[in-house]
Amino acid sequence: MRKSQIDPMVLINVFELTGGDIEELVADWQMALDVMRNMSGFISSTLHRSVDGNAKFQLINVAHWESAEDFQAAFADPEFLSISGKMLASDRYSFTPHPSIYRRALTTEIQG
């Protein structure tokens, strides 16, 4: 049984945009995701965009990893560090990421 079938780790990363073009940031995020998807332990990622233009956090990424160790190794990978460094230094947009790892505490589903 894969670790992800037991209880995957959840990365929630909220992005506080302070200027620039959100579309450019989303395009660059896709490049970073193309690197992440090949890393050990990566399960999935969904980038959410606020429908409220005044929201403090315009983008929220929810990603699933098989373990905290897999996530930490991925974020220490030189290729990912290069891409994320370029994103943080971009003059096309400005943002502050606020990542944290979570474990599921409660799940509720509607029974059909």
Protein backbone atom coordinates (compact mmCIF):
# COMPACT_ATOMS: atom_id res chain seq x y z
CA MET A 1 0.00 0.00 0.00
CA ARG A 2 1.34 3.45 -0.93
CA LYS A 3 1.85 5.95 1.87
CA SER A 4 -0.55 8.31 0.05
CA GLN A 5 -3.36 5.80 0.47
CA ILE A 6 -2.89 5.92 4.23
CA ASP A 7 -2.78 9.67 4.96
CA PRO A 8 -0.94 12.02 2.62
CA MET A 9 0.60 15.25 3.86
CA VAL A 10 -1.15 18.38 2.65
CA LEU A 11 0.82 21.48 1.70
CA ILE A 12 -1.28 24.63 1.81
CA ASN A 13 0.55 27.64 0.44
CA VAL A 14 -1.26 30.97 0.37
CA PHE A 15 0.17 33.71 -1.83
CA GLU A 16 -0.07 37.34 -0.88
CA LEU A 17 0.29 39.34 -4.11
CA THR A 18 1.66 42.82 -3.66
CA GLY A 19 1.87 43.89 -7.29
CA GLY A 20 2.22 42.89 -10.89
CA ASP A 21 0.44 40.50 -13.21
CA ILE A 22 -1.26 37.51 -11.59
CA GLU A 23 -1.47 35.76 -14.99
CA GLU A 24 2.34 35.84 -15.25
CA LEU A 25 2.63 34.31 -11.79
CA VAL A 26 0.17 31.55 -12.70
CA ALA A 27 2.15 30.80 -15.89
CA ASP A 28 5.41 30.59 -13.91
CA TRP A 29 3.68 28.41 -11.31
CA GLN A 30 2.88 25.96 -14.10
CA MET A 31 6.60 25.72 -14.89
CA ALA A 32 7.37 25.02 -11.23
CA LEU A 33 4.62 22.40 -11.17
CA ASP A 34 6.11 20.70 -14.23
CA VAL A 35 9.26 20.15 -12.14
CA MET A 36 7.36 19.10 -9.00
CA ARG A 37 5.20 16.49 -10.71
CA ASN A 38 8.30 14.36 -11.37
CA MET A 39 9.54 14.42 -7.79
CA SER A 40 9.35 11.47 -5.46
CA GLY A 41 6.23 11.48 -3.30
CA PHE A 42 4.31 14.11 -5.28
CA ILE A 43 0.61 13.20 -5.55
CA SER A 44 -1.28 16.28 -6.76
CA SER A 45 -1.53 20.05 -6.73
CA THR A 46 -4.41 22.45 -7.27
CA LEU A 47 -3.89 26.20 -7.55
CA HIS A 48 -6.98 28.16 -6.53
CA ARG A 49 -7.59 31.78 -7.59
CA SER A 50 -9.77 34.11 -5.54
CA VAL A 51 -12.93 35.45 -7.16
CA ASP A 52 -12.61 38.49 -4.89
CA GLY A 53 -10.07 40.92 -6.32
CA ASN A 54 -9.60 42.43 -2.86
CA ALA A 55 -8.80 39.17 -1.06
CA LYS A 56 -5.54 39.22 0.89
CA PHE A 57 -4.55 35.88 -0.61
CA GLN A 58 -5.22 35.89 -4.36
CA LEU A 59 -3.78 32.41 -4.95
CA ILE A 60 -3.86 29.31 -2.75
CA ASN A 61 -2.07 26.11 -3.63
CA VAL A 62 -3.21 22.83 -2.10
CA ALA A 63 -0.78 19.99 -2.79
CA HIS A 64 -0.63 16.42 -1.56
CA TRP A 65 2.63 14.62 -0.80
CA GLU A 66 3.20 11.08 0.39
CA SER A 67 5.29 12.31 3.32
CA ALA A 68 6.73 15.44 4.88
CA GLU A 69 10.20 14.12 3.96
CA ASP A 70 9.23 13.93 0.27
CA PHE A 71 7.95 17.51 0.40
CA GLN A 72 11.10 18.77 2.13
CA ALA A 73 13.36 16.97 -0.36
CA ALA A 74 11.44 18.45 -3.29
CA PHE A 75 11.73 21.98 -1.93
CA ALA A 76 15.48 21.48 -1.47
CA ASP A 77 15.94 20.23 -5.04
CA PRO A 78 18.30 22.51 -7.03
CA GLU A 79 16.01 22.69 -10.07
CA PHE A 80 13.01 23.70 -7.96
CA LEU A 81 15.12 26.18 -5.96
CA SER A 82 16.23 27.80 -9.22
CA ILE A 83 12.67 28.21 -10.51
CA SER A 84 11.26 29.43 -7.20
CA GLY A 85 14.17 31.86 -6.80
CA LYS A 86 13.46 33.35 -10.22
CA MET A 87 9.78 33.67 -9.33
CA LEU A 88 10.55 35.45 -6.04
CA ALA A 89 12.93 37.84 -7.84
CA SER A 90 10.61 38.50 -10.80
CA ASP A 91 9.95 42.10 -11.81
CA ARG A 92 6.66 41.05 -13.47
CA TYR A 93 4.92 40.42 -10.15
CA SER A 94 5.58 40.54 -6.43
CA PHE A 95 4.30 38.03 -3.90
CA THR A 96 4.94 36.51 -0.51
CA PRO A 97 4.31 32.77 -0.09
CA HIS A 98 3.07 31.38 3.23
CA PRO A 99 3.51 27.57 3.03
CA SER A 100 2.75 25.07 5.75
CA ILE A 101 2.29 21.31 5.92
CA TYR A 102 -0.90 19.85 7.36
CA ARG A 103 -2.36 16.47 8.15
CA ARG A 104 -6.07 15.80 7.68
CA ALA A 105 -8.00 16.41 10.88
CA LEU A 106 -11.57 15.84 9.70
CA THR A 107 -13.40 14.93 6.49
CA THR A 108 -17.09 15.50 5.84
CA GLU A 109 -18.94 14.29 2.77
CA ILE A 110 -22.58 14.44 1.75
CA GLN A 111 -24.04 10.97 1.46
CA GLY A 112 -26.09 10.50 -1.71
